[in-house]
C-alpha cells in the first residue's frame, strides 16, 4: 500500500467524524481493551433504504486485538 494513499483519506475521515460523532464515540468506547477482548462477538447489521437487512459477525481473535490497537493509535494521531 502506498503511504500517500493514506494521506488522501484524512479529509474524508475528518468529515466522517464530524457527520457521525456518536458512531465514532461508540467505536472508541467499545474497542477499549477493558470491554472488548478475545472471544468477543462483533455483529454488524445494515438496513438499506428499502428495509432489506444484511448482517455479519466475527469472533475476535488476539490478532484482531493487535490490529485494532495499531489502528486505534493511527486514528488518534
C-alpha atoms as a PDB file:
ATOM      1  CA  UNK A   1       0.000   0.000   0.000  1.00  0.00           C
ATOM      2  CA  UNK A   2       1.258   3.420  -0.915  1.00  0.00           C
ATOM      3  CA  UNK A   3       1.565   5.610   2.237  1.00  0.00           C
ATOM      4  CA  UNK A   4       0.458   8.634   0.209  1.00  0.00           C
ATOM      5  CA  UNK A   5      -2.915   6.948  -0.277  1.00  0.00           C
ATOM      6  CA  UNK A   6      -3.410   7.045   3.484  1.00  0.00           C
ATOM      7  CA  UNK A   7      -2.897  10.805   3.466  1.00  0.00           C
ATOM      8  CA  UNK A   8      -5.717  11.125   0.934  1.00  0.00           C
ATOM      9  CA  UNK A   9      -8.087   9.569   3.495  1.00  0.00           C
ATOM     10  CA  UNK A  10      -7.516  12.304   6.085  1.00  0.00           C
ATOM     11  CA  UNK A  11     -10.143  14.815   4.834  1.00  0.00           C
ATOM     12  CA  UNK A  12     -12.693  12.023   4.395  1.00  0.00           C
ATOM     13  CA  UNK A  13     -12.035  10.757   7.914  1.00  0.00           C
ATOM     14  CA  UNK A  14     -12.430  14.282   9.322  1.00  0.00           C
ATOM     15  CA  UNK A  15     -15.795  14.691   7.601  1.00  0.00           C
ATOM     16  CA  UNK A  16     -16.925  11.213   8.684  1.00  0.00           C
ATOM     17  CA  UNK A  17     -16.099  12.010  12.327  1.00  0.00           C
ATOM     18  CA  UNK A  18     -17.983  15.315  12.084  1.00  0.00           C
ATOM     19  CA  UNK A  19     -21.017  13.696  10.422  1.00  0.00           C
ATOM     20  CA  UNK A  20     -21.219  10.680  12.756  1.00  0.00           C
ATOM     21  CA  UNK A  21     -19.852  11.647  16.194  1.00  0.00           C
ATOM     22  CA  UNK A  22     -21.986   9.095  18.058  1.00  0.00           C
ATOM     23  CA  UNK A  23     -20.635   6.225  15.968  1.00  0.00           C
ATOM     24  CA  UNK A  24     -17.040   7.326  16.422  1.00  0.00           C
ATOM     25  CA  UNK A  25     -17.594   7.669  20.175  1.00  0.00           C
ATOM     26  CA  UNK A  26     -19.247   4.234  20.320  1.00  0.00           C
ATOM     27  CA  UNK A  27     -16.402   2.553  18.448  1.00  0.00           C
ATOM     28  CA  UNK A  28     -13.818   4.177  20.722  1.00  0.00           C
ATOM     29  CA  UNK A  29     -15.671   3.004  23.832  1.00  0.00           C
ATOM     30  CA  UNK A  30     -16.436  -0.487  22.508  1.00  0.00           C
ATOM     31  CA  UNK A  31     -12.859  -1.036  21.339  1.00  0.00           C
ATOM     32  CA  UNK A  32     -11.431  -0.267  24.772  1.00  0.00           C
ATOM     33  CA  UNK A  33      -9.470  -3.279  25.982  1.00  0.00           C
ATOM     34  CA  UNK A  34     -11.430  -3.158  29.264  1.00  0.00           C
ATOM     35  CA  UNK A  35     -14.553  -4.025  27.242  1.00  0.00           C
ATOM     36  CA  UNK A  36     -13.538  -5.733  24.003  1.00  0.00           C
ATOM     37  CA  UNK A  37     -11.473  -8.846  24.498  1.00  0.00           C
ATOM     38  CA  UNK A  38     -10.507 -12.011  22.724  1.00  0.00           C
ATOM     39  CA  UNK A  39     -13.642 -14.087  22.203  1.00  0.00           C
ATOM     40  CA  UNK A  40     -15.947 -11.053  21.947  1.00  0.00           C
ATOM     41  CA  UNK A  41     -18.542 -11.151  19.189  1.00  0.00           C
ATOM     42  CA  UNK A  42     -18.861  -8.146  16.863  1.00  0.00           C
ATOM     43  CA  UNK A  43     -22.051  -8.031  14.827  1.00  0.00           C
ATOM     44  CA  UNK A  44     -22.929  -5.538  12.112  1.00  0.00           C
ATOM     45  CA  UNK A  45     -26.410  -5.119  10.678  1.00  0.00           C
ATOM     46  CA  UNK A  46     -27.111  -2.884   7.682  1.00  0.00           C
ATOM     47  CA  UNK A  47     -30.671  -1.947   6.745  1.00  0.00           C
ATOM     48  CA  UNK A  48     -30.934  -0.275   3.358  1.00  0.00           C
ATOM     49  CA  UNK A  49     -33.497   2.367   2.366  1.00  0.00           C
ATOM     50  CA  UNK A  50     -35.908  -0.351   1.159  1.00  0.00           C
ATOM     51  CA  UNK A  51     -35.778  -2.126   4.524  1.00  0.00           C
ATOM     52  CA  UNK A  52     -33.659  -5.070   3.381  1.00  0.00           C
ATOM     53  CA  UNK A  53     -31.183  -6.263   6.007  1.00  0.00           C
ATOM     54  CA  UNK A  54     -27.770  -7.824   5.790  1.00  0.00           C
ATOM     55  CA  UNK A  55     -25.728  -8.913   8.765  1.00  0.00           C
ATOM     56  CA  UNK A  56     -22.314 -10.327   9.505  1.00  0.00           C
ATOM     57  CA  UNK A  57     -20.404 -11.146  12.657  1.00  0.00           C
ATOM     58  CA  UNK A  58     -16.960 -12.131  13.756  1.00  0.00           C
ATOM     59  CA  UNK A  59     -15.404 -13.630  16.841  1.00  0.00           C
ATOM     60  CA  UNK A  60     -12.453 -11.502  17.973  1.00  0.00           C
ATOM     61  CA  UNK A  61      -9.032 -13.181  17.999  1.00  0.00           C
ATOM     62  CA  UNK A  62      -5.796 -11.942  19.528  1.00  0.00           C
ATOM     63  CA  UNK A  63      -4.533 -10.983  16.053  1.00  0.00           C
ATOM     64  CA  UNK A  64      -7.626  -8.787  15.692  1.00  0.00           C
ATOM     65  CA  UNK A  65      -6.899  -7.128  19.040  1.00  0.00           C
ATOM     66  CA  UNK A  66      -3.344  -6.386  17.909  1.00  0.00           C
ATOM     67  CA  UNK A  67      -4.586  -4.900  14.625  1.00  0.00           C
ATOM     68  CA  UNK A  68      -7.254  -2.794  16.352  1.00  0.00           C
ATOM     69  CA  UNK A  69      -4.650  -1.441  18.765  1.00  0.00           C
ATOM     70  CA  UNK A  70      -2.403  -0.294  15.913  1.00  0.00           C
ATOM     71  CA  UNK A  71      -5.377   1.137  14.017  1.00  0.00           C
ATOM     72  CA  UNK A  72      -6.614   2.994  17.109  1.00  0.00           C
ATOM     73  CA  UNK A  73      -3.159   4.547  17.619  1.00  0.00           C
ATOM     74  CA  UNK A  74      -3.079   5.658  13.970  1.00  0.00           C
ATOM     75  CA  UNK A  75      -6.535   7.243  14.159  1.00  0.00           C
ATOM     76  CA  UNK A  76      -5.807   9.105  17.370  1.00  0.00           C
ATOM     77  CA  UNK A  77      -2.669  10.747  15.995  1.00  0.00           C
END
